[in-house]
C-alpha atoms as a PDB file:
ATOM      1  CA  MET A   1     -13.877  -6.933  30.402  1.00  0.00           C
ATOM      2  CA  PRO A   2     -11.821  -9.759  28.323  1.00  0.00           C
ATOM      3  CA  PHE A   3      -8.874  -7.977  26.282  1.00  0.00           C
ATOM      4  CA  TRP A   4     -10.550  -9.379  23.006  1.00  0.00           C
ATOM      5  CA  ILE A   5     -13.303  -7.164  23.357  1.00  0.00           C
ATOM      6  CA  THR A   6     -11.258  -4.136  23.833  1.00  0.00           C
ATOM      7  CA  ALA A   7      -9.077  -4.891  20.720  1.00  0.00           C
ATOM      8  CA  THR A   8     -12.323  -5.549  18.931  1.00  0.00           C
ATOM      9  CA  ILE A   9     -14.049  -2.261  19.845  1.00  0.00           C
ATOM     10  CA  PHE A  10     -10.753  -0.556  18.807  1.00  0.00           C
ATOM     11  CA  ALA A  11     -10.594  -2.180  15.745  1.00  0.00           C
ATOM     12  CA  ALA A  12     -14.060  -1.549  14.352  1.00  0.00           C
ATOM     13  CA  PHE A  13     -13.440   2.196  15.159  1.00  0.00           C
ATOM     14  CA  MET A  14     -10.317   2.798  13.592  1.00  0.00           C
ATOM     15  CA  GLN A  15     -11.526   0.704  10.717  1.00  0.00           C
ATOM     16  CA  ASN A  16     -14.353   3.002  10.223  1.00  0.00           C
ATOM     17  CA  LEU A  17     -12.330   5.686  10.506  1.00  0.00           C
ATOM     18  CA  ARG A  18      -9.998   4.052   7.788  1.00  0.00           C
ATOM     19  CA  PHE A  19     -13.084   3.860   5.368  1.00  0.00           C
ATOM     20  CA  LEU A  20     -14.295   7.105   5.741  1.00  0.00           C
ATOM     21  CA  LEU A  21     -10.891   8.240   4.660  1.00  0.00           C
ATOM     22  CA  GLN A  22     -10.525   5.757   1.862  1.00  0.00           C
ATOM     23  CA  ARG A  23     -14.284   6.832   0.157  1.00  0.00           C
ATOM     24  CA  HIS A  24     -12.378  10.684   0.244  1.00  0.00           C
ATOM     25  CA  LEU A  25      -9.301   8.927  -1.540  1.00  0.00           C
ATOM     26  CA  ARG A  26     -11.947   6.897  -3.863  1.00  0.00           C
ATOM     27  CA  VAL A  27     -14.599  10.178  -4.733  1.00  0.00           C
ATOM     28  CA  THR A  28     -11.598  12.660  -5.196  1.00  0.00           C
ATOM     29  CA  THR A  29      -8.625  11.216  -7.042  1.00  0.00           C
ATOM     30  CA  LEU A  30      -8.031   7.806  -7.192  1.00  0.00           C
ATOM     31  CA  SER A  31      -9.627   4.634  -8.676  1.00  0.00           C
ATOM     32  CA  THR A  32     -10.932   1.387  -6.735  1.00  0.00           C
ATOM     33  CA  MET A  33      -7.885  -0.653  -6.766  1.00  0.00           C
ATOM     34  CA  GLY A  34      -5.876   2.479  -6.199  1.00  0.00           C
ATOM     35  CA  ALA A  35      -7.548   3.352  -2.913  1.00  0.00           C
ATOM     36  CA  THR A  36      -7.368  -0.041  -1.719  1.00  0.00           C
ATOM     37  CA  TRP A  37      -3.647  -0.513  -2.225  1.00  0.00           C
ATOM     38  CA  ALA A  38      -2.842   2.756  -0.406  1.00  0.00           C
ATOM     39  CA  ARG A  39      -4.244   1.074   2.481  1.00  0.00           C
ATOM     40  CA  PHE A  40      -1.726  -1.447   2.360  1.00  0.00           C
ATOM     41  CA  ALA A  41       1.204  -0.073   0.891  1.00  0.00           C
ATOM     42  CA  PHE A  42       1.049   3.018   3.678  1.00  0.00           C
ATOM     43  CA  ALA A  43       0.321   0.757   6.322  1.00  0.00           C
ATOM     44  CA  MET A  44       3.150  -2.031   5.617  1.00  0.00           C
ATOM     45  CA  PRO A  45       5.799   0.409   7.027  1.00  0.00           C
ATOM     46  CA  PHE A  46       3.820   1.187  10.176  1.00  0.00           C
ATOM     47  CA  VAL A  47       3.326  -2.229  10.921  1.00  0.00           C
ATOM     48  CA  GLY A  48       7.128  -3.077  10.582  1.00  0.00           C
ATOM     49  CA  ILE A  49       7.658  -0.071  13.071  1.00  0.00           C
ATOM     50  CA  ALA A  50       4.932  -0.995  15.449  1.00  0.00           C
ATOM     51  CA  LEU A  51       6.578  -4.933  15.200  1.00  0.00           C
ATOM     52  CA  GLY A  52      10.097  -3.605  16.105  1.00  0.00           C
ATOM     53  CA  ILE A  53       9.240  -1.521  18.975  1.00  0.00           C
ATOM     54  CA  TRP A  54       6.731  -4.297  20.416  1.00  0.00           C
ATOM     55  CA  LEU A  55      10.038  -6.925  20.414  1.00  0.00           C
ATOM     56  CA  TRP A  56      12.032  -3.997  22.075  1.00  0.00           C
ATOM     57  CA  ILE A  57       9.704  -3.388  24.620  1.00  0.00           C
ATOM     58  CA  THR A  58       9.085  -6.952  25.580  1.00  0.00           C
ATOM     59  CA  GLY A  59      12.496  -8.333  24.663  1.00  0.00           C
ATOM     60  CA  GLN A  60      10.943 -11.707  22.784  1.00  0.00           C
ATOM     61  CA  SER A  61      11.910 -13.174  19.537  1.00  0.00           C
ATOM     62  CA  LEU A  62      10.200 -13.559  16.550  1.00  0.00           C
ATOM     63  CA  PRO A  63       7.837 -16.797  16.860  1.00  0.00           C
ATOM     64  CA  ALA A  64       8.601 -19.514  14.558  1.00  0.00           C
ATOM     65  CA  SER A  65       6.685 -20.444  11.595  1.00  0.00           C
ATOM     66  CA  SER A  66       5.140 -23.312   9.580  1.00  0.00           C
ATOM     67  CA  ASP A  67       3.661 -24.337   6.341  1.00  0.00           C
ATOM     68  CA  ALA A  68       0.263 -24.018   7.480  1.00  0.00           C
ATOM     69  CA  PHE A  69       1.018 -20.272   8.977  1.00  0.00           C
ATOM     70  CA  TRP A  70       2.138 -19.370   5.039  1.00  0.00           C
ATOM     71  CA  GLY A  71      -0.982 -20.897   3.692  1.00  0.00           C
ATOM     72  CA  TYR A  72      -3.534 -19.011   6.149  1.00  0.00           C
ATOM     73  CA  ALA A  73      -1.707 -16.117   5.769  1.00  0.00           C
ATOM     74  CA  VAL A  74      -1.522 -15.912   1.973  1.00  0.00           C
ATOM     75  CA  THR A  75      -4.789 -16.738   1.360  1.00  0.00           C
ATOM     76  CA  GLY A  76      -6.275 -14.300   3.773  1.00  0.00           C
ATOM     77  CA  ALA A  77      -4.369 -11.630   2.484  1.00  0.00           C
ATOM     78  CA  ILE A  78      -5.576 -12.063  -0.860  1.00  0.00           C
ATOM     79  CA  ALA A  79      -9.053 -12.311   0.459  1.00  0.00           C
ATOM     80  CA  GLN A  80      -9.147  -9.118   2.504  1.00  0.00           C
ATOM     81  CA  MET A  81      -7.450  -7.504  -0.398  1.00  0.00           C
ATOM     82  CA  LEU A  82     -10.396  -8.225  -2.946  1.00  0.00           C
ATOM     83  CA  ALA A  83     -13.066  -7.911  -0.445  1.00  0.00           C
ATOM     84  CA  THR A  84     -11.653  -4.262   0.745  1.00  0.00           C
ATOM     85  CA  ALA A  85     -11.633  -3.268  -3.298  1.00  0.00           C
ATOM     86  CA  CYS A  86     -15.368  -4.643  -3.095  1.00  0.00           C
ATOM     87  CA  VAL A  87     -16.023  -2.217  -0.147  1.00  0.00           C
ATOM     88  CA  VAL A  88     -14.468   1.018  -1.929  1.00  0.00           C
ATOM     89  CA  ALA A  89     -16.655   0.068  -4.995  1.00  0.00           C
ATOM     90  CA  LEU A  90     -19.750   0.188  -3.138  1.00  0.00           C
ATOM     91  CA  PHE A  91     -19.314   3.729  -2.309  1.00  0.00           C
ATOM     92  CA  GLY A  92     -20.208   4.899  -5.826  1.00  0.00           C
ATOM     93  CA  ARG A  93     -23.416   3.206  -5.783  1.00  0.00           C
ATOM     94  CA  ARG A  94     -25.158   3.496  -2.216  1.00  0.00           C
ATOM     95  CA  ASN A  95     -24.487   6.067   0.640  1.00  0.00           C
ATOM     96  CA  PHE A  96     -21.682   5.587   3.295  1.00  0.00           C
ATOM     97  CA  ALA A  97     -23.731   3.957   6.307  1.00  0.00           C
ATOM     98  CA  VAL A  98     -25.529   1.254   3.442  1.00  0.00           C
ATOM     99  CA  GLY A  99     -22.425   0.421   1.729  1.00  0.00           C
ATOM    100  CA  VAL A 100     -20.332  -0.781   5.101  1.00  0.00           C
ATOM    101  CA  THR A 101     -23.736  -2.587   6.379  1.00  0.00           C
ATOM    102  CA  LEU A 102     -23.760  -4.332   3.354  1.00  0.00           C
ATOM    103  CA  CYS A 103     -20.418  -5.749   4.441  1.00  0.00           C
ATOM    104  CA  LYS A 104     -21.668  -7.292   7.672  1.00  0.00           C
ATOM    105  CA  THR A 105     -22.991 -10.144   6.059  1.00  0.00           C
ATOM    106  CA  GLU A 106     -19.657 -11.468   7.227  1.00  0.00           C
ATOM    107  CA  VAL A 107     -20.580 -12.353  10.460  1.00  0.00           C
ATOM    108  CA  ILE A 108     -22.659 -14.886   9.314  1.00  0.00           C
ATOM    109  CA  LEU A 109     -20.390 -16.206   6.771  1.00  0.00           C
ATOM    110  CA  THR A 110     -17.129 -15.974   9.369  1.00  0.00           C
ATOM    111  CA  ALA A 111     -19.124 -18.511  11.629  1.00  0.00           C
ATOM    112  CA  LEU A 112     -19.886 -21.264   8.775  1.00  0.00           C
ATOM    113  CA  ILE A 113     -16.075 -20.526   7.370  1.00  0.00           C
ATOM    114  CA  GLY A 114     -14.734 -21.243  10.756  1.00  0.00           C
ATOM    115  CA  LEU A 115     -16.962 -24.026  11.542  1.00  0.00           C
ATOM    116  CA  VAL A 116     -15.706 -25.798   8.072  1.00  0.00           C
ATOM    117  CA  VAL A 117     -12.287 -24.634   8.141  1.00  0.00           C
ATOM    118  CA  LEU A 118     -11.318 -24.611  12.134  1.00  0.00           C
ATOM    119  CA  GLY A 119     -13.764 -26.893  13.620  1.00  0.00           C
ATOM    120  CA  GLU A 120     -15.231 -23.770  15.555  1.00  0.00           C
ATOM    121  CA  ALA A 121     -18.447 -23.744  16.311  1.00  0.00           C
ATOM    122  CA  VAL A 122     -21.012 -21.609  17.810  1.00  0.00           C
ATOM    123  CA  SER A 123     -23.830 -21.379  19.785  1.00  0.00           C
ATOM    124  CA  SER A 124     -27.644 -22.330  19.173  1.00  0.00           C
ATOM    125  CA  PHE A 125     -28.577 -18.704  19.142  1.00  0.00           C
ATOM    126  CA  ALA A 126     -26.352 -17.926  16.232  1.00  0.00           C
ATOM    127  CA  VAL A 127     -29.116 -19.667  14.115  1.00  0.00           C
ATOM    128  CA  ILE A 128     -31.389 -17.264  15.243  1.00  0.00           C
ATOM    129  CA  ALA A 129     -28.775 -14.190  14.872  1.00  0.00           C
ATOM    130  CA  ILE A 130     -28.383 -15.593  11.093  1.00  0.00           C
ATOM    131  CA  ALA A 131     -32.027 -15.464  10.249  1.00  0.00           C
ATOM    132  CA  VAL A 132     -32.795 -11.914  11.409  1.00  0.00           C
ATOM    133  CA  GLY A 133     -29.467 -10.795  10.272  1.00  0.00           C
ATOM    134  CA  PHE A 134     -30.663 -12.395   6.860  1.00  0.00           C
ATOM    135  CA  PHE A 135     -33.391 -10.369   6.837  1.00  0.00           C
ATOM    136  CA  GLY A 136     -31.611  -7.099   8.015  1.00  0.00           C
ATOM    137  CA  VAL A 137     -29.293  -7.694   4.637  1.00  0.00           C
ATOM    138  CA  ILE A 138     -32.508  -8.370   2.337  1.00  0.00           C
ATOM    139  CA  LEU A 139     -33.939  -4.922   3.529  1.00  0.00           C
ATOM    140  CA  LEU A 140     -30.655  -2.715   3.013  1.00  0.00           C
ATOM    141  CA  SER A 141     -30.239  -4.844  -0.387  1.00  0.00           C
ATOM    142  CA  ASP A 142     -33.182  -2.634  -1.953  1.00  0.00           C
ATOM    143  CA  PRO A 143     -31.687   0.045  -4.488  1.00  0.00           C
ATOM    144  CA  PRO A 144     -32.976   3.474  -4.285  1.00  0.00           C
ATOM    145  CA  LYS A 145     -36.544   4.416  -5.665  1.00  0.00           C
ATOM    146  CA  THR A 146     -36.433   5.934  -9.215  1.00  0.00           C
ATOM    147  CA  ALA A 147     -38.802   6.918 -11.910  1.00  0.00           C
ATOM    148  CA  VAL A 148     -38.671   3.618 -13.446  1.00  0.00           C
ATOM    149  CA  ALA A 149     -40.321   0.724 -11.567  1.00  0.00           C
ATOM    150  CA  LEU A 150     -38.301  -2.157 -11.172  1.00  0.00           C
ATOM    151  CA  PRO A 151     -38.924  -5.762 -10.918  1.00  0.00           C
ATOM    152  CA  TRP A 152     -38.365  -7.683  -7.800  1.00  0.00           C
ATOM    153  CA  GLN A 153     -35.339  -9.354  -9.236  1.00  0.00           C
ATOM    154  CA  ALA A 154     -33.510  -6.178  -9.893  1.00  0.00           C
ATOM    155  CA  ARG A 155     -34.615  -5.045  -6.361  1.00  0.00           C
ATOM    156  CA  ILE A 156     -32.707  -7.778  -4.449  1.00  0.00           C
ATOM    157  CA  PHE A 157     -30.214  -9.039  -6.965  1.00  0.00           C
ATOM    158  CA  ASN A 158     -28.244  -6.032  -7.838  1.00  0.00           C
ATOM    159  CA  ALA A 159     -24.769  -4.857  -8.080  1.00  0.00           C
ATOM    160  CA  ALA A 160     -24.726  -3.188  -4.640  1.00  0.00           C
ATOM    161  CA  SER A 161     -25.945  -6.613  -2.884  1.00  0.00           C
ATOM    162  CA  GLY A 162     -23.516  -8.623  -5.051  1.00  0.00           C
ATOM    163  CA  PHE A 163     -20.601  -6.074  -4.091  1.00  0.00           C
ATOM    164  CA  GLY A 164     -21.572  -6.398  -0.254  1.00  0.00           C
ATOM    165  CA  LEU A 165     -22.357 -10.234   0.134  1.00  0.00           C
ATOM    166  CA  LEU A 166     -19.246 -11.057  -2.088  1.00  0.00           C
ATOM    167  CA  SER A 167     -16.891  -8.810   0.233  1.00  0.00           C
ATOM    168  CA  GLY A 168     -19.007 -10.486   3.164  1.00  0.00           C
ATOM    169  CA  LEU A 169     -17.731 -13.720   2.012  1.00  0.00           C
ATOM    170  CA  LEU A 170     -14.431 -12.735   1.341  1.00  0.00           C
ATOM    171  CA  PHE A 171     -13.897 -11.144   4.796  1.00  0.00           C
ATOM    172  CA  GLY A 172     -15.045 -14.293   6.537  1.00  0.00           C
ATOM    173  CA  VAL A 173     -12.343 -15.927   4.391  1.00  0.00           C
ATOM    174  CA  SER A 174      -9.692 -13.674   5.487  1.00  0.00           C
ATOM    175  CA  ALA A 175     -11.134 -13.393   9.107  1.00  0.00           C
ATOM    176  CA  VAL A 176     -10.708 -17.469   9.653  1.00  0.00           C
ATOM    177  CA  CYS A 177      -7.488 -17.563   7.906  1.00  0.00           C
ATOM    178  CA  TYR A 178      -6.045 -14.998   9.849  1.00  0.00           C
ATOM    179  CA  ARG A 179      -6.874 -16.563  13.334  1.00  0.00           C
ATOM    180  CA  GLY A 180      -5.533 -19.663  11.625  1.00  0.00           C
ATOM    181  CA  ALA A 181      -2.402 -17.861  10.690  1.00  0.00           C
ATOM    182  CA  THR A 182      -2.065 -16.788  14.426  1.00  0.00           C
ATOM    183  CA  LEU A 183      -2.663 -20.090  15.870  1.00  0.00           C
ATOM    184  CA  SER A 184      -0.065 -21.605  13.450  1.00  0.00           C
ATOM    185  CA  LEU A 185       2.726 -19.507  14.753  1.00  0.00           C
ATOM    186  CA  ILE A 186       4.943 -21.217  17.439  1.00  0.00           C
ATOM    187  CA  GLY A 187       6.193 -18.946  20.308  1.00  0.00           C
ATOM    188  CA  GLY A 188       5.581 -15.211  21.587  1.00  0.00           C
ATOM    189  CA  ASP A 189       2.415 -13.359  22.906  1.00  0.00           C
ATOM    190  CA  GLU A 190      -0.977 -12.946  21.402  1.00  0.00           C
ATOM    191  CA  VAL A 191      -0.024  -9.115  20.316  1.00  0.00           C
ATOM    192  CA  LEU A 192       3.531 -10.532  18.829  1.00  0.00           C
ATOM    193  CA  ARG A 193       2.040 -13.255  16.807  1.00  0.00           C
ATOM    194  CA  ALA A 194      -0.254 -10.742  15.441  1.00  0.00           C
ATOM    195  CA  ALA A 195       1.447  -8.247  14.318  1.00  0.00           C
ATOM    196  CA  VAL A 196       3.643 -10.931  12.652  1.00  0.00           C
ATOM    197  CA  ALA A 197       0.921 -12.335  10.587  1.00  0.00           C
ATOM    198  CA  LEU A 198      -0.400  -8.482   9.999  1.00  0.00           C
ATOM    199  CA  LEU A 199       3.058  -7.927   8.269  1.00  0.00           C
ATOM    200  CA  THR A 200       3.117 -10.700   6.343  1.00  0.00           C
ATOM    201  CA  ALA A 201      -0.414 -10.329   5.225  1.00  0.00           C
ATOM    202  CA  THR A 202       0.564  -6.671   4.279  1.00  0.00           C
ATOM    203  CA  CYS A 203       3.254  -7.299   2.506  1.00  0.00           C
ATOM    204  CA  VAL A 204       1.786 -10.140   0.340  1.00  0.00           C
ATOM    205  CA  GLN A 205      -1.113  -7.213  -0.600  1.00  0.00           C
ATOM    206  CA  THR A 206       1.286  -4.466  -1.048  1.00  0.00           C
ATOM    207  CA  VAL A 207       3.164  -6.097  -3.569  1.00  0.00           C
ATOM    208  CA  THR A 208       0.278  -8.563  -5.165  1.00  0.00           C
ATOM    209  CA  LEU A 209      -1.686  -5.061  -6.011  1.00  0.00           C
ATOM    210  CA  GLY A 210       0.961  -2.956  -6.716  1.00  0.00           C
ATOM    211  CA  LEU A 211       2.226  -5.273  -9.616  1.00  0.00           C
ATOM    212  CA  TRP A 212      -1.687  -5.466 -10.813  1.00  0.00           C
ATOM    213  CA  LEU A 213      -1.589  -1.629 -10.686  1.00  0.00           C
ATOM    214  CA  ALA A 214       1.579  -1.164 -12.752  1.00  0.00           C
ATOM    215  CA  TRP A 215       0.237  -3.592 -15.351  1.00  0.00           C
ATOM    216  CA  ARG A 216      -3.621  -2.760 -15.486  1.00  0.00           C
ATOM    217  CA  GLU A 217      -3.771   0.835 -14.261  1.00  0.00           C
ATOM    218  CA  ALA A 218      -0.660   3.037 -15.410  1.00  0.00           C
ATOM    219  CA  GLY A 219       0.040   5.919 -13.339  1.00  0.00           C
ATOM    220  CA  GLN A 220      -2.164   4.916 -10.464  1.00  0.00           C
ATOM    221  CA  ILE A 221       0.812   4.308  -8.418  1.00  0.00           C
ATOM    222  CA  THR A 222       1.988   7.857  -8.903  1.00  0.00           C
ATOM    223  CA  ARG A 223      -1.500   8.909  -7.977  1.00  0.00           C
ATOM    224  CA  VAL A 224      -1.754   7.377  -4.857  1.00  0.00           C
ATOM    225  CA  MET A 225       2.041   8.732  -3.731  1.00  0.00           C
ATOM    226  CA  ALA A 226       1.022  12.008  -4.845  1.00  0.00           C
ATOM    227  CA  ALA A 227      -2.122  11.958  -2.232  1.00  0.00           C
ATOM    228  CA  TRP A 228       0.463  10.829   0.569  1.00  0.00           C
ATOM    229  CA  ARG A 229      -1.090  13.305   3.171  1.00  0.00           C
ATOM    230  CA  VAL A 230      -4.568  11.363   3.066  1.00  0.00           C
ATOM    231  CA  SER A 231      -2.846   7.802   2.162  1.00  0.00           C
ATOM    232  CA  ALA A 232      -0.230   7.926   5.087  1.00  0.00           C
ATOM    233  CA  LEU A 233      -3.533   8.630   7.583  1.00  0.00           C
ATOM    234  CA  VAL A 234      -5.428   5.699   5.859  1.00  0.00           C
ATOM    235  CA  GLY A 235      -2.181   3.566   6.629  1.00  0.00           C
ATOM    236  CA  PHE A 236      -1.964   4.655  10.041  1.00  0.00           C
ATOM    237  CA  THR A 237      -5.391   4.015  11.068  1.00  0.00           C
ATOM    238  CA  SER A 238      -5.361   0.432   8.926  1.00  0.00           C
ATOM    239  CA  MET A 239      -2.161  -0.483  10.974  1.00  0.00           C
ATOM    240  CA  LEU A 240      -4.015   0.436  14.360  1.00  0.00           C
ATOM    241  CA  GLY A 241      -7.166  -1.193  13.309  1.00  0.00           C
ATOM    242  CA  SER A 242      -5.639  -4.217  11.641  1.00  0.00           C
ATOM    243  CA  LEU A 243      -3.516  -4.778  14.981  1.00  0.00           C
ATOM    244  CA  GLY A 244      -6.506  -4.721  16.818  1.00  0.00           C
ATOM    245  CA  TRP A 245      -8.195  -7.622  14.840  1.00  0.00           C
ATOM    246  CA  PHE A 246      -5.630  -9.788  14.833  1.00  0.00           C
ATOM    247  CA  THR A 247      -4.985  -9.491  18.289  1.00  0.00           C
ATOM    248  CA  ALA A 248      -8.322 -10.190  18.945  1.00  0.00           C
ATOM    249  CA  PHE A 249      -8.500 -13.445  16.510  1.00  0.00           C
ATOM    250  CA  ALA A 250      -5.300 -14.685  18.443  1.00  0.00           C
ATOM    251  CA  LEU A 251      -7.555 -14.600  21.675  1.00  0.00           C
ATOM    252  CA  GLN A 252     -11.266 -15.542  20.357  1.00  0.00           C
ATOM    253  CA  THR A 253     -13.118 -17.505  17.917  1.00  0.00           C
ATOM    254  CA  ALA A 254     -13.178 -15.631  14.593  1.00  0.00           C
ATOM    255  CA  ALA A 255     -16.763 -15.432  14.214  1.00  0.00           C
ATOM    256  CA  TYR A 256     -17.674 -13.936  17.724  1.00  0.00           C
ATOM    257  CA  VAL A 257     -14.674 -10.968  17.156  1.00  0.00           C
ATOM    258  CA  LYS A 258     -16.787 -10.243  13.606  1.00  0.00           C
ATOM    259  CA  ALA A 259     -19.864 -10.217  15.723  1.00  0.00           C
ATOM    260  CA  LEU A 260     -18.831  -8.111  18.159  1.00  0.00           C
ATOM    261  CA  GLY A 261     -17.025  -6.176  15.481  1.00  0.00           C
ATOM    262  CA  GLN A 262     -20.891  -5.125  14.450  1.00  0.00           C
ATOM    263  CA  VAL A 263     -20.391  -2.699  16.846  1.00  0.00           C
ATOM    264  CA  GLU A 264     -18.797  -0.402  13.768  1.00  0.00           C
ATOM    265  CA  LEU A 265     -22.323   0.503  12.732  1.00  0.00           C
ATOM    266  CA  VAL A 266     -22.563   2.700  15.594  1.00  0.00           C
ATOM    267  CA  PHE A 267     -19.501   4.397  14.344  1.00  0.00           C
ATOM    268  CA  THR A 268     -20.854   4.443  10.664  1.00  0.00           C
ATOM    269  CA  PHE A 269     -24.030   5.983  11.643  1.00  0.00           C
ATOM    270  CA  LEU A 270     -22.444   8.811  13.521  1.00  0.00           C
ATOM    271  CA  PHE A 271     -20.085   9.516  10.620  1.00  0.00           C
ATOM    272  CA  SER A 272     -22.429   9.429   8.282  1.00  0.00           C
ATOM    273  CA  VAL A 273     -25.247  11.593   9.674  1.00  0.00           C
ATOM    274  CA  PHE A 274     -22.832  13.909  11.482  1.00  0.00           C
ATOM    275  CA  TRP A 275     -20.283  14.024   8.909  1.00  0.00           C
ATOM    276  CA  LEU A 276     -20.946  13.501   5.907  1.00  0.00           C
ATOM    277  CA  ARG A 277     -24.415  14.736   6.339  1.00  0.00           C
ATOM    278  CA  GLU A 278     -26.156  11.669   4.308  1.00  0.00           C
ATOM    279  CA  ARG A 279     -29.669  10.103   5.370  1.00  0.00           C
ATOM    280  CA  SER A 280     -31.039   6.928   5.521  1.00  0.00           C
ATOM    281  CA  SER A 281     -34.306   5.726   4.683  1.00  0.00           C
ATOM    282  CA  GLY A 282     -36.840   3.976   7.016  1.00  0.00           C
ATOM    283  CA  LYS A 283     -36.296   0.571   5.373  1.00  0.00           C
ATOM    284  CA  GLU A 284     -32.542   0.874   5.522  1.00  0.00           C
ATOM    285  CA  ILE A 285     -32.477   2.091   9.408  1.00  0.00           C
ATOM    286  CA  ALA A 286     -34.763  -0.852  10.115  1.00  0.00           C
ATOM    287  CA  GLY A 287     -32.306  -3.243   8.480  1.00  0.00           C
ATOM    288  CA  LEU A 288     -29.220  -1.905  10.427  1.00  0.00           C
ATOM    289  CA  VAL A 289     -31.548  -2.651  13.767  1.00  0.00           C
ATOM    290  CA  LEU A 290     -32.022  -5.732  12.843  1.00  0.00           C
ATOM    291  CA  LEU A 291     -28.561  -6.745  12.197  1.00  0.00           C
ATOM    292  CA  VAL A 292     -27.439  -4.960  15.843  1.00  0.00           C
ATOM    293  CA  ALA A 293     -30.051  -7.349  17.106  1.00  0.00           C
ATOM    294  CA  SER A 294     -28.536 -10.163  15.483  1.00  0.00           C
ATOM    295  CA  LEU A 295     -25.377  -9.630  17.313  1.00  0.00           C
ATOM    296  CA  LEU A 296     -27.172  -8.840  20.755  1.00  0.00           C
ATOM    297  CA  LEU A 297     -28.591 -12.476  20.098  1.00  0.00           C
ATOM    298  CA  ILE A 298     -25.394 -13.866  19.677  1.00  0.00           C
ATOM    299  CA  PHE A 299     -23.712 -12.344  23.337  1.00  0.00           C
ATOM    300  CA  LEU A 300     -27.003 -13.366  24.850  1.00  0.00           C
ATOM    301  CA  GLY A 301     -26.323 -16.937  24.000  1.00  0.00           C
ATOM    302  CA  GLU A 302     -22.886 -16.765  25.024  1.00  0.00           C
ATOM    303  CA  TRP A 303     -22.943 -15.063  28.131  1.00  0.00           C
ATOM    304  CA  ALA A 304     -26.691 -16.332  29.574  1.00  0.00           C
END
């Protein structure tokens, strides 16, 4: 099995676990941006330690950077930071499984952005997959039934759909930029380049969002630190998952990495049903099935 597949599946599992921990922080003590910052602030030292250990084990030197690397890394960092905030905000509007699944529009958008920015095309099967995934998102965007009948515009164009689609776009931008960043580094193996790009992005995110919290949400940083037990777990799982994603991006086109990353949906449902005791409607399950089918179509096209 190609190493990028192993790295992607591992990253998807760790990301799902991290979302679960962030959800706990969001619904108990922290604001949306506070729970988002906890992920970056507590991941940064873990990433630095992991990079130092890999340098020591392999005996490599740090790869040389370029202007392109800094442009990709900073843009990807900001896009990912905003996308993560959208995901955390989703948790207050839909159940855990649907909230994460709405973000999976990133697979479609990553393919389009990758083609425009890096010139990396996908197979013709991806066109069919995009159509199937689109219908899945439409099903998932329908809000829960209420006592008051809603017009169709409100049922499709609602806050949950907006957060999901915006997070998908931003995650797509970050994925393509992170692949561009790892490819722009000169020297070192894929894991080393992934770790350097990840540490750079995490530092940008920690400082940027930390300054925003200090300005706009006084006391939130103190609350994050007070919840250090859970926040540290968020940071650790974030570091492991991000290293998996960055390594996969260094080895394979971002669109296919994100497509395989939809295996996270399986993990999400397991956590949602057996841990959080949440229930999903038939329409939501149908939407998930369509999104998973889009994943299968992409890989049938690649491996046929």
